[in-house]
Amino acid sequence: PEFFKQITITFNPWSERHWLKPTF
């Protein structure tokens, strides 16, 4: 019952043009 899957993402945000911004 406590099972969960997870993707953890860590980074420094150098540019607003990066795909990470609209995605997350």
mmCIF file of all heavy atoms, coordinates in Angstrom:
data_MODEL
# 
_entry.id   MODEL 
# 
loop_
_atom_site.group_PDB 
_atom_site.id 
_atom_site.type_symbol 
_atom_site.label_atom_id 
_atom_site.label_alt_id 
_atom_site.label_comp_id 
_atom_site.label_asym_id 
_atom_site.label_entity_id 
_atom_site.label_seq_id 
_atom_site.pdbx_PDB_ins_code 
_atom_site.Cartn_x 
_atom_site.Cartn_y 
_atom_site.Cartn_z 
_atom_site.occupancy 
_atom_site.B_iso_or_equiv 
_atom_site.pdbx_formal_charge 
_atom_site.auth_seq_id 
_atom_site.auth_comp_id 
_atom_site.auth_asym_id 
_atom_site.auth_atom_id 
_atom_site.pdbx_PDB_model_num 
ATOM 1   N N   . PRO A 1 1  ? 0.802  -1.226 0.000   1.00 0.00 ? 1  PRO A N   1 
ATOM 2   C CA  . PRO A 1 1  ? 0.000  0.000  0.000   1.00 0.00 ? 1  PRO A CA  1 
ATOM 3   C C   . PRO A 1 1  ? 0.832  1.273  0.000   1.00 0.00 ? 1  PRO A C   1 
ATOM 4   O O   . PRO A 1 1  ? 0.330  2.340  -0.353  1.00 0.00 ? 1  PRO A O   1 
ATOM 5   C CB  . PRO A 1 1  ? -0.835 -0.119 1.285   1.00 0.00 ? 1  PRO A CB  1 
ATOM 6   C CG  . PRO A 1 1  ? -0.093 -1.102 2.141   1.00 0.00 ? 1  PRO A CG  1 
ATOM 7   C CD  . PRO A 1 1  ? 0.548  -2.061 1.199   1.00 0.00 ? 1  PRO A CD  1 
ATOM 8   N N   . GLU A 1 2  ? 2.081  1.188  0.407   1.00 0.00 ? 2  GLU A N   1 
ATOM 9   C CA  . GLU A 1 2  ? 2.939  2.366  0.452   1.00 0.00 ? 2  GLU A CA  1 
ATOM 10  C C   . GLU A 1 2  ? 3.846  2.482  -0.771  1.00 0.00 ? 2  GLU A C   1 
ATOM 11  O O   . GLU A 1 2  ? 4.702  3.370  -0.828  1.00 0.00 ? 2  GLU A O   1 
ATOM 12  C CB  . GLU A 1 2  ? 3.789  2.351  1.720   1.00 0.00 ? 2  GLU A CB  1 
ATOM 13  C CG  . GLU A 1 2  ? 2.972  2.436  2.998   1.00 0.00 ? 2  GLU A CG  1 
ATOM 14  C CD  . GLU A 1 2  ? 3.802  2.820  4.188   1.00 0.00 ? 2  GLU A CD  1 
ATOM 15  O OE1 . GLU A 1 2  ? 4.574  3.784  4.070   1.00 0.00 ? 2  GLU A OE1 1 
ATOM 16  O OE2 . GLU A 1 2  ? 3.700  2.153  5.217   1.00 0.00 ? 2  GLU A OE2 1 
ATOM 17  N N   . PHE A 1 3  ? 3.652  1.602  -1.754  1.00 0.00 ? 3  PHE A N   1 
ATOM 18  C CA  . PHE A 1 3  ? 4.494  1.632  -2.946  1.00 0.00 ? 3  PHE A CA  1 
ATOM 19  C C   . PHE A 1 3  ? 4.282  2.916  -3.744  1.00 0.00 ? 3  PHE A C   1 
ATOM 20  O O   . PHE A 1 3  ? 3.151  3.378  -3.912  1.00 0.00 ? 3  PHE A O   1 
ATOM 21  C CB  . PHE A 1 3  ? 4.200  0.425  -3.834  1.00 0.00 ? 3  PHE A CB  1 
ATOM 22  C CG  . PHE A 1 3  ? 4.924  0.477  -5.148  1.00 0.00 ? 3  PHE A CG  1 
ATOM 23  C CD1 . PHE A 1 3  ? 6.270  0.160  -5.221  1.00 0.00 ? 3  PHE A CD1 1 
ATOM 24  C CD2 . PHE A 1 3  ? 4.269  0.857  -6.311  1.00 0.00 ? 3  PHE A CD2 1 
ATOM 25  C CE1 . PHE A 1 3  ? 6.951  0.211  -6.423  1.00 0.00 ? 3  PHE A CE1 1 
ATOM 26  C CE2 . PHE A 1 3  ? 4.946  0.909  -7.519  1.00 0.00 ? 3  PHE A CE2 1 
ATOM 27  C CZ  . PHE A 1 3  ? 6.296  0.583  -7.576  1.00 0.00 ? 3  PHE A CZ  1 
ATOM 28  N N   . PHE A 1 4  ? 5.382  3.479  -4.218  1.00 0.00 ? 4  PHE A N   1 
ATOM 29  C CA  . PHE A 1 4  ? 5.317  4.618  -5.127  1.00 0.00 ? 4  PHE A CA  1 
ATOM 30  C C   . PHE A 1 4  ? 6.566  4.646  -6.007  1.00 0.00 ? 4  PHE A C   1 
ATOM 31  O O   . PHE A 1 4  ? 7.653  4.260  -5.591  1.00 0.00 ? 4  PHE A O   1 
ATOM 32  C CB  . PHE A 1 4  ? 5.166  5.939  -4.362  1.00 0.00 ? 4  PHE A CB  1 
ATOM 33  C CG  . PHE A 1 4  ? 6.373  6.325  -3.550  1.00 0.00 ? 4  PHE A CG  1 
ATOM 34  C CD1 . PHE A 1 4  ? 7.291  7.256  -4.026  1.00 0.00 ? 4  PHE A CD1 1 
ATOM 35  C CD2 . PHE A 1 4  ? 6.591  5.754  -2.297  1.00 0.00 ? 4  PHE A CD2 1 
ATOM 36  C CE1 . PHE A 1 4  ? 8.401  7.627  -3.273  1.00 0.00 ? 4  PHE A CE1 1 
ATOM 37  C CE2 . PHE A 1 4  ? 7.705  6.116  -1.535  1.00 0.00 ? 4  PHE A CE2 1 
ATOM 38  C CZ  . PHE A 1 4  ? 8.607  7.062  -2.029  1.00 0.00 ? 4  PHE A CZ  1 
ATOM 39  N N   . LYS A 1 5  ? 6.366  5.080  -7.236  1.00 0.00 ? 5  LYS A N   1 
ATOM 40  C CA  . LYS A 1 5  ? 7.474  5.318  -8.152  1.00 0.00 ? 5  LYS A CA  1 
ATOM 41  C C   . LYS A 1 5  ? 7.743  6.813  -8.211  1.00 0.00 ? 5  LYS A C   1 
ATOM 42  O O   . LYS A 1 5  ? 6.824  7.623  -8.064  1.00 0.00 ? 5  LYS A O   1 
ATOM 43  C CB  . LYS A 1 5  ? 7.151  4.777  -9.546  1.00 0.00 ? 5  LYS A CB  1 
ATOM 44  C CG  . LYS A 1 5  ? 7.021  3.266  -9.609  1.00 0.00 ? 5  LYS A CG  1 
ATOM 45  C CD  . LYS A 1 5  ? 6.774  2.760  -11.007 1.00 0.00 ? 5  LYS A CD  1 
ATOM 46  C CE  . LYS A 1 5  ? 5.367  3.098  -11.482 1.00 0.00 ? 5  LYS A CE  1 
ATOM 47  N NZ  . LYS A 1 5  ? 5.035  2.436  -12.768 1.00 0.00 ? 5  LYS A NZ  1 
ATOM 48  N N   . GLN A 1 6  ? 8.998  7.157  -8.442  1.00 0.00 ? 6  GLN A N   1 
ATOM 49  C CA  . GLN A 1 6  ? 9.311  8.583  -8.418  1.00 0.00 ? 6  GLN A CA  1 
ATOM 50  C C   . GLN A 1 6  ? 10.570 8.895  -9.219  1.00 0.00 ? 6  GLN A C   1 
ATOM 51  O O   . GLN A 1 6  ? 11.549 8.162  -9.181  1.00 0.00 ? 6  GLN A O   1 
ATOM 52  C CB  . GLN A 1 6  ? 9.491  9.075  -6.978  1.00 0.00 ? 6  GLN A CB  1 
ATOM 53  C CG  . GLN A 1 6  ? 9.600  10.595 -6.852  1.00 0.00 ? 6  GLN A CG  1 
ATOM 54  C CD  . GLN A 1 6  ? 9.545  11.055 -5.414  1.00 0.00 ? 6  GLN A CD  1 
ATOM 55  O OE1 . GLN A 1 6  ? 10.433 10.773 -4.631  1.00 0.00 ? 6  GLN A OE1 1 
ATOM 56  N NE2 . GLN A 1 6  ? 8.483  11.756 -5.037  1.00 0.00 ? 6  GLN A NE2 1 
ATOM 57  N N   . ILE A 1 7  ? 10.505 10.016 -9.931  1.00 0.00 ? 7  ILE A N   1 
ATOM 58  C CA  . ILE A 1 7  ? 11.645 10.571 -10.654 1.00 0.00 ? 7  ILE A CA  1 
ATOM 59  C C   . ILE A 1 7  ? 12.045 11.873 -9.956  1.00 0.00 ? 7  ILE A C   1 
ATOM 60  O O   . ILE A 1 7  ? 11.263 12.821 -9.902  1.00 0.00 ? 7  ILE A O   1 
ATOM 61  C CB  . ILE A 1 7  ? 11.296 10.876 -12.127 1.00 0.00 ? 7  ILE A CB  1 
ATOM 62  C CG1 . ILE A 1 7  ? 10.679 9.649  -12.821 1.00 0.00 ? 7  ILE A CG1 1 
ATOM 63  C CG2 . ILE A 1 7  ? 12.538 11.377 -12.860 1.00 0.00 ? 7  ILE A CG2 1 
ATOM 64  C CD1 . ILE A 1 7  ? 11.596 8.460  -12.917 1.00 0.00 ? 7  ILE A CD1 1 
ATOM 65  N N   . THR A 1 8  ? 13.246 11.914 -9.408  1.00 0.00 ? 8  THR A N   1 
ATOM 66  C CA  . THR A 1 8  ? 13.750 13.106 -8.731  1.00 0.00 ? 8  THR A CA  1 
ATOM 67  C C   . THR A 1 8  ? 14.741 13.814 -9.647  1.00 0.00 ? 8  THR A C   1 
ATOM 68  O O   . THR A 1 8  ? 15.638 13.188 -10.214 1.00 0.00 ? 8  THR A O   1 
ATOM 69  C CB  . THR A 1 8  ? 14.421 12.741 -7.398  1.00 0.00 ? 8  THR A CB  1 
ATOM 70  O OG1 . THR A 1 8  ? 13.448 12.121 -6.533  1.00 0.00 ? 8  THR A OG1 1 
ATOM 71  C CG2 . THR A 1 8  ? 14.991 13.972 -6.708  1.00 0.00 ? 8  THR A CG2 1 
ATOM 72  N N   . ILE A 1 9  ? 14.583 15.126 -9.763  1.00 0.00 ? 9  ILE A N   1 
ATOM 73  C CA  . ILE A 1 9  ? 15.396 15.926 -10.681 1.00 0.00 ? 9  ILE A CA  1 
ATOM 74  C C   . ILE A 1 9  ? 15.964 17.118 -9.919  1.00 0.00 ? 9  ILE A C   1 
ATOM 75  O O   . ILE A 1 9  ? 15.224 17.869 -9.297  1.00 0.00 ? 9  ILE A O   1 
ATOM 76  C CB  . ILE A 1 9  ? 14.548 16.427 -11.870 1.00 0.00 ? 9  ILE A CB  1 
ATOM 77  C CG1 . ILE A 1 9  ? 13.900 15.231 -12.597 1.00 0.00 ? 9  ILE A CG1 1 
ATOM 78  C CG2 . ILE A 1 9  ? 15.381 17.249 -12.843 1.00 0.00 ? 9  ILE A CG2 1 
ATOM 79  C CD1 . ILE A 1 9  ? 12.728 15.619 -13.463 1.00 0.00 ? 9  ILE A CD1 1 
ATOM 80  N N   . THR A 1 10 ? 17.291 17.312 -9.979  1.00 0.00 ? 10 THR A N   1 
ATOM 81  C CA  . THR A 1 10 ? 17.936 18.438 -9.315  1.00 0.00 ? 10 THR A CA  1 
ATOM 82  C C   . THR A 1 10 ? 18.866 19.144 -10.305 1.00 0.00 ? 10 THR A C   1 
ATOM 83  O O   . THR A 1 10 ? 19.547 18.503 -11.090 1.00 0.00 ? 10 THR A O   1 
ATOM 84  C CB  . THR A 1 10 ? 18.743 17.980 -8.083  1.00 0.00 ? 10 THR A CB  1 
ATOM 85  O OG1 . THR A 1 10 ? 19.668 16.933 -8.457  1.00 0.00 ? 10 THR A OG1 1 
ATOM 86  C CG2 . THR A 1 10 ? 17.828 17.426 -7.005  1.00 0.00 ? 10 THR A CG2 1 
ATOM 87  N N   . PHE A 1 11 ? 18.897 20.480 -10.235 1.00 0.00 ? 11 PHE A N   1 
ATOM 88  C CA  . PHE A 1 11 ? 19.728 21.225 -11.180 1.00 0.00 ? 11 PHE A CA  1 
ATOM 89  C C   . PHE A 1 11 ? 19.819 22.692 -10.801 1.00 0.00 ? 11 PHE A C   1 
ATOM 90  O O   . PHE A 1 11 ? 19.036 23.200 -9.994  1.00 0.00 ? 11 PHE A O   1 
ATOM 91  C CB  . PHE A 1 11 ? 19.177 21.105 -12.605 1.00 0.00 ? 11 PHE A CB  1 
ATOM 92  C CG  . PHE A 1 11 ? 17.816 21.732 -12.806 1.00 0.00 ? 11 PHE A CG  1 
ATOM 93  C CD1 . PHE A 1 11 ? 17.681 23.005 -13.335 1.00 0.00 ? 11 PHE A CD1 1 
ATOM 94  C CD2 . PHE A 1 11 ? 16.653 21.043 -12.470 1.00 0.00 ? 11 PHE A CD2 1 
ATOM 95  C CE1 . PHE A 1 11 ? 16.430 23.582 -13.532 1.00 0.00 ? 11 PHE A CE1 1 
ATOM 96  C CE2 . PHE A 1 11 ? 15.400 21.606 -12.654 1.00 0.00 ? 11 PHE A CE2 1 
ATOM 97  C CZ  . PHE A 1 11 ? 15.286 22.875 -13.190 1.00 0.00 ? 11 PHE A CZ  1 
ATOM 98  N N   . ASN A 1 12 ? 20.792 23.393 -11.426 1.00 0.00 ? 12 ASN A N   1 
ATOM 99  C CA  . ASN A 1 12 ? 20.912 24.847 -11.373 1.00 0.00 ? 12 ASN A CA  1 
ATOM 100 C C   . ASN A 1 12 ? 20.266 25.433 -12.624 1.00 0.00 ? 12 ASN A C   1 
ATOM 101 O O   . ASN A 1 12 ? 20.573 24.997 -13.733 1.00 0.00 ? 12 ASN A O   1 
ATOM 102 C CB  . ASN A 1 12 ? 22.376 25.274 -11.301 1.00 0.00 ? 12 ASN A CB  1 
ATOM 103 C CG  . ASN A 1 12 ? 23.062 24.779 -10.041 1.00 0.00 ? 12 ASN A CG  1 
ATOM 104 O OD1 . ASN A 1 12 ? 23.837 23.827 -10.093 1.00 0.00 ? 12 ASN A OD1 1 
ATOM 105 N ND2 . ASN A 1 12 ? 22.812 25.413 -8.928  1.00 0.00 ? 12 ASN A ND2 1 
ATOM 106 N N   . PRO A 1 13 ? 19.399 26.424 -12.488 1.00 0.00 ? 13 PRO A N   1 
ATOM 107 C CA  . PRO A 1 13 ? 18.597 26.917 -13.621 1.00 0.00 ? 13 PRO A CA  1 
ATOM 108 C C   . PRO A 1 13 ? 19.301 27.986 -14.446 1.00 0.00 ? 13 PRO A C   1 
ATOM 109 O O   . PRO A 1 13 ? 19.013 29.172 -14.325 1.00 0.00 ? 13 PRO A O   1 
ATOM 110 C CB  . PRO A 1 13 ? 17.379 27.501 -12.921 1.00 0.00 ? 13 PRO A CB  1 
ATOM 111 C CG  . PRO A 1 13 ? 17.940 28.008 -11.619 1.00 0.00 ? 13 PRO A CG  1 
ATOM 112 C CD  . PRO A 1 13 ? 19.040 27.057 -11.217 1.00 0.00 ? 13 PRO A CD  1 
ATOM 113 N N   . TRP A 1 14 ? 20.197 27.612 -15.337 1.00 0.00 ? 14 TRP A N   1 
ATOM 114 C CA  . TRP A 1 14 ? 20.988 28.606 -16.048 1.00 0.00 ? 14 TRP A CA  1 
ATOM 115 C C   . TRP A 1 14 ? 20.219 29.389 -17.100 1.00 0.00 ? 14 TRP A C   1 
ATOM 116 O O   . TRP A 1 14 ? 20.518 30.539 -17.365 1.00 0.00 ? 14 TRP A O   1 
ATOM 117 C CB  . TRP A 1 14 ? 22.216 27.952 -16.680 1.00 0.00 ? 14 TRP A CB  1 
ATOM 118 C CG  . TRP A 1 14 ? 23.159 27.412 -15.669 1.00 0.00 ? 14 TRP A CG  1 
ATOM 119 C CD1 . TRP A 1 14 ? 23.565 26.117 -15.529 1.00 0.00 ? 14 TRP A CD1 1 
ATOM 120 C CD2 . TRP A 1 14 ? 23.793 28.136 -14.601 1.00 0.00 ? 14 TRP A CD2 1 
ATOM 121 N NE1 . TRP A 1 14 ? 24.408 25.993 -14.448 1.00 0.00 ? 14 TRP A NE1 1 
ATOM 122 C CE2 . TRP A 1 14 ? 24.563 27.214 -13.865 1.00 0.00 ? 14 TRP A CE2 1 
ATOM 123 C CE3 . TRP A 1 14 ? 23.762 29.469 -14.200 1.00 0.00 ? 14 TRP A CE3 1 
ATOM 124 C CZ2 . TRP A 1 14 ? 25.313 27.584 -12.754 1.00 0.00 ? 14 TRP A CZ2 1 
ATOM 125 C CZ3 . TRP A 1 14 ? 24.503 29.845 -13.095 1.00 0.00 ? 14 TRP A CZ3 1 
ATOM 126 C CH2 . TRP A 1 14 ? 25.270 28.908 -12.381 1.00 0.00 ? 14 TRP A CH2 1 
ATOM 127 N N   . SER A 1 15 ? 19.204 28.800 -17.727 1.00 0.00 ? 15 SER A N   1 
ATOM 128 C CA  . SER A 1 15 ? 18.521 29.509 -18.816 1.00 0.00 ? 15 SER A CA  1 
ATOM 129 C C   . SER A 1 15 ? 17.038 29.170 -18.859 1.00 0.00 ? 15 SER A C   1 
ATOM 130 O O   . SER A 1 15 ? 16.655 28.004 -18.745 1.00 0.00 ? 15 SER A O   1 
ATOM 131 C CB  . SER A 1 15 ? 19.150 29.157 -20.163 1.00 0.00 ? 15 SER A CB  1 
ATOM 132 O OG  . SER A 1 15 ? 18.392 29.679 -21.250 1.00 0.00 ? 15 SER A OG  1 
ATOM 133 N N   . GLU A 1 16 ? 16.215 30.182 -19.061 1.00 0.00 ? 16 GLU A N   1 
ATOM 134 C CA  . GLU A 1 16 ? 14.781 29.980 -19.180 1.00 0.00 ? 16 GLU A CA  1 
ATOM 135 C C   . GLU A 1 16 ? 14.403 29.274 -20.478 1.00 0.00 ? 16 GLU A C   1 
ATOM 136 O O   . GLU A 1 16 ? 13.274 28.815 -20.625 1.00 0.00 ? 16 GLU A O   1 
ATOM 137 C CB  . GLU A 1 16 ? 14.058 31.322 -19.108 1.00 0.00 ? 16 GLU A CB  1 
ATOM 138 C CG  . GLU A 1 16 ? 14.373 32.263 -20.263 1.00 0.00 ? 16 GLU A CG  1 
ATOM 139 C CD  . GLU A 1 16 ? 13.578 33.553 -20.221 1.00 0.00 ? 16 GLU A CD  1 
ATOM 140 O OE1 . GLU A 1 16 ? 12.774 33.716 -19.284 1.00 0.00 ? 16 GLU A OE1 1 
ATOM 141 O OE2 . GLU A 1 16 ? 13.752 34.410 -21.113 1.00 0.00 ? 16 GLU A OE2 1 
ATOM 142 N N   . ARG A 1 17 ? 15.339 29.175 -21.406 1.00 0.00 ? 17 ARG A N   1 
ATOM 143 C CA  . ARG A 1 17 ? 15.076 28.514 -22.685 1.00 0.00 ? 17 ARG A CA  1 
ATOM 144 C C   . ARG A 1 17 ? 15.188 27.001 -22.604 1.00 0.00 ? 17 ARG A C   1 
ATOM 145 O O   . ARG A 1 17 ? 14.907 26.298 -23.569 1.00 0.00 ? 17 ARG A O   1 
ATOM 146 C CB  . ARG A 1 17 ? 16.027 29.058 -23.754 1.00 0.00 ? 17 ARG A CB  1 
ATOM 147 C CG  . ARG A 1 17 ? 15.813 30.534 -24.068 1.00 0.00 ? 17 ARG A CG  1 
ATOM 148 C CD  . ARG A 1 17 ? 16.767 31.041 -25.123 1.00 0.00 ? 17 ARG A CD  1 
ATOM 149 N NE  . ARG A 1 17 ? 18.128 31.145 -24.646 1.00 0.00 ? 17 ARG A NE  1 
ATOM 150 C CZ  . ARG A 1 17 ? 19.142 31.672 -25.333 1.00 0.00 ? 17 ARG A CZ  1 
ATOM 151 N NH1 . ARG A 1 17 ? 18.916 32.174 -26.533 1.00 0.00 ? 17 ARG A NH1 1 
ATOM 152 N NH2 . ARG A 1 17 ? 20.355 31.732 -24.826 1.00 0.00 ? 17 ARG A NH2 1 
ATOM 153 N N   . HIS A 1 18 ? 15.610 26.476 -21.468 1.00 0.00 ? 18 HIS A N   1 
ATOM 154 C CA  . HIS A 1 18 ? 15.798 25.033 -21.331 1.00 0.00 ? 18 HIS A CA  1 
ATOM 155 C C   . HIS A 1 18 ? 14.453 24.319 -21.220 1.00 0.00 ? 18 HIS A C   1 
ATOM 156 O O   . HIS A 1 18 ? 13.489 24.850 -20.657 1.00 0.00 ? 18 HIS A O   1 
ATOM 157 C CB  . HIS A 1 18 ? 16.648 24.739 -20.090 1.00 0.00 ? 18 HIS A CB  1 
ATOM 158 C CG  . HIS A 1 18 ? 17.305 23.411 -20.098 1.00 0.00 ? 18 HIS A CG  1 
ATOM 159 N ND1 . HIS A 1 18 ? 16.642 22.252 -19.747 1.00 0.00 ? 18 HIS A ND1 1 
ATOM 160 C CD2 . HIS A 1 18 ? 18.562 23.027 -20.427 1.00 0.00 ? 18 HIS A CD2 1 
ATOM 161 C CE1 . HIS A 1 18 ? 17.463 21.226 -19.853 1.00 0.00 ? 18 HIS A CE1 1 
ATOM 162 N NE2 . HIS A 1 18 ? 18.636 21.661 -20.272 1.00 0.00 ? 18 HIS A NE2 1 
ATOM 163 N N   . TRP A 1 19 ? 14.380 23.079 -21.722 1.00 0.00 ? 19 TRP A N   1 
ATOM 164 C CA  . TRP A 1 19 ? 13.136 22.315 -21.724 1.00 0.00 ? 19 TRP A CA  1 
ATOM 165 C C   . TRP A 1 19 ? 12.628 22.009 -20.306 1.00 0.00 ? 19 TRP A C   1 
ATOM 166 O O   . TRP A 1 19 ? 11.418 21.735 -20.119 1.00 0.00 ? 19 TRP A O   1 
ATOM 167 C CB  . TRP A 1 19 ? 13.309 21.005 -22.502 1.00 0.00 ? 19 TRP A CB  1 
ATOM 168 C CG  . TRP A 1 19 ? 14.322 20.051 -21.936 1.00 0.00 ? 19 TRP A CG  1 
ATOM 169 C CD1 . TRP A 1 19 ? 15.631 19.954 -22.296 1.00 0.00 ? 19 TRP A CD1 1 
ATOM 170 C CD2 . TRP A 1 19 ? 14.112 19.055 -20.928 1.00 0.00 ? 19 TRP A CD2 1 
ATOM 171 N NE1 . TRP A 1 19 ? 16.253 18.968 -21.551 1.00 0.00 ? 19 TRP A NE1 1 
ATOM 172 C CE2 . TRP A 1 19 ? 15.336 18.401 -20.716 1.00 0.00 ? 19 TRP A CE2 1 
ATOM 173 C CE3 . TRP A 1 19 ? 13.006 18.648 -20.185 1.00 0.00 ? 19 TRP A CE3 1 
ATOM 174 C CZ2 . TRP A 1 19 ? 15.499 17.367 -19.801 1.00 0.00 ? 19 TRP A CZ2 1 
ATOM 175 C CZ3 . TRP A 1 19 ? 13.151 17.623 -19.251 1.00 0.00 ? 19 TRP A CZ3 1 
ATOM 176 C CH2 . TRP A 1 19 ? 14.391 16.993 -19.075 1.00 0.00 ? 19 TRP A CH2 1 
ATOM 177 N N   . LEU A 1 20 ? 13.479 22.081 -19.310 1.00 0.00 ? 20 LEU A N   1 
ATOM 178 C CA  . LEU A 1 20 ? 13.052 21.812 -17.943 1.00 0.00 ? 20 LEU A CA  1 
ATOM 179 C C   . LEU A 1 20 ? 11.999 22.811 -17.455 1.00 0.00 ? 20 LEU A C   1 
ATOM 180 O O   . LEU A 1 20 ? 11.129 22.459 -16.657 1.00 0.00 ? 20 LEU A O   1 
ATOM 181 C CB  . LEU A 1 20 ? 14.258 21.836 -17.001 1.00 0.00 ? 20 LEU A CB  1 
ATOM 182 C CG  . LEU A 1 20 ? 15.205 20.635 -17.076 1.00 0.00 ? 20 LEU A CG  1 
ATOM 183 C CD1 . LEU A 1 20 ? 16.534 20.971 -16.414 1.00 0.00 ? 20 LEU A CD1 1 
ATOM 184 C CD2 . LEU A 1 20 ? 14.586 19.400 -16.437 1.00 0.00 ? 20 LEU A CD2 1 
ATOM 185 N N   . LYS A 1 21 ? 12.090 24.047 -17.916 1.00 0.00 ? 21 LYS A N   1 
ATOM 186 C CA  . LYS A 1 21 ? 11.166 25.090 -17.437 1.00 0.00 ? 21 LYS A CA  1 
ATOM 187 C C   . LYS A 1 21 ? 9.726  24.807 -17.847 1.00 0.00 ? 21 LYS A C   1 
ATOM 188 O O   . LYS A 1 21 ? 8.836  24.739 -16.979 1.00 0.00 ? 21 LYS A O   1 
ATOM 189 C CB  . LYS A 1 21 ? 11.626 26.468 -17.924 1.00 0.00 ? 21 LYS A CB  1 
ATOM 190 C CG  . LYS A 1 21 ? 10.776 27.632 -17.393 1.00 0.00 ? 21 LYS A CG  1 
ATOM 191 C CD  . LYS A 1 21 ? 11.373 28.967 -17.821 1.00 0.00 ? 21 LYS A CD  1 
ATOM 192 C CE  . LYS A 1 21 ? 10.615 30.159 -17.238 1.00 0.00 ? 21 LYS A CE  1 
ATOM 193 N NZ  . LYS A 1 21 ? 9.270  30.267 -17.802 1.00 0.00 ? 21 LYS A NZ  1 
ATOM 194 N N   . PRO A 1 22 ? 9.404  24.664 -19.152 1.00 0.00 ? 22 PRO A N   1 
ATOM 195 C CA  . PRO A 1 22 ? 8.009  24.384 -19.499 1.00 0.00 ? 22 PRO A CA  1 
ATOM 196 C C   . PRO A 1 22 ? 7.541  23.012 -19.031 1.00 0.00 ? 22 PRO A C   1 
ATOM 197 O O   . PRO A 1 22 ? 6.356  22.813 -18.778 1.00 0.00 ? 22 PRO A O   1 
ATOM 198 C CB  . PRO A 1 22 ? 7.988  24.492 -21.031 1.00 0.00 ? 22 PRO A CB  1 
ATOM 199 C CG  . PRO A 1 22 ? 9.402  24.248 -21.452 1.00 0.00 ? 22 PRO A CG  1 
ATOM 200 C CD  . PRO A 1 22 ? 10.246 24.824 -20.355 1.00 0.00 ? 22 PRO A CD  1 
ATOM 201 N N   . THR A 1 23 ? 8.452  22.072 -18.899 1.00 0.00 ? 23 THR A N   1 
ATOM 202 C CA  . THR A 1 23 ? 8.066  20.705 -18.550 1.00 0.00 ? 23 THR A CA  1 
ATOM 203 C C   . THR A 1 23 ? 7.671  20.554 -17.087 1.00 0.00 ? 23 THR A C   1 
ATOM 204 O O   . THR A 1 23 ? 6.748  19.823 -16.757 1.00 0.00 ? 23 THR A O   1 
ATOM 205 C CB  . THR A 1 23 ? 9.218  19.727 -18.878 1.00 0.00 ? 23 THR A CB  1 
ATOM 206 O OG1 . THR A 1 23 ? 9.581  19.871 -20.259 1.00 0.00 ? 23 THR A OG1 1 
ATOM 207 C CG2 . THR A 1 23 ? 8.795  18.291 -18.630 1.00 0.00 ? 23 THR A CG2 1 
ATOM 208 N N   . PHE A 1 24 ? 8.330  21.313 -16.203 1.00 0.00 ? 24 PHE A N   1 
ATOM 209 C CA  . PHE A 1 24 ? 8.104  21.099 -14.774 1.00 0.00 ? 24 PHE A CA  1 
ATOM 210 C C   . PHE A 1 24 ? 7.751  22.351 -13.973 1.00 0.00 ? 24 PHE A C   1 
ATOM 211 O O   . PHE A 1 24 ? 7.351  22.228 -12.809 1.00 0.00 ? 24 PHE A O   1 
ATOM 212 C CB  . PHE A 1 24 ? 9.341  20.442 -14.146 1.00 0.00 ? 24 PHE A CB  1 
ATOM 213 C CG  . PHE A 1 24 ? 9.664  19.096 -14.697 1.00 0.00 ? 24 PHE A CG  1 
ATOM 214 C CD1 . PHE A 1 24 ? 10.841 18.881 -15.400 1.00 0.00 ? 24 PHE A CD1 1 
ATOM 215 C CD2 . PHE A 1 24 ? 8.788  18.037 -14.542 1.00 0.00 ? 24 PHE A CD2 1 
ATOM 216 C CE1 . PHE A 1 24 ? 11.148 17.634 -15.919 1.00 0.00 ? 24 PHE A CE1 1 
ATOM 217 C CE2 . PHE A 1 24 ? 9.080  16.787 -15.058 1.00 0.00 ? 24 PHE A CE2 1 
ATOM 218 C CZ  . PHE A 1 24 ? 10.258 16.584 -15.758 1.00 0.00 ? 24 PHE A CZ  1 
# 
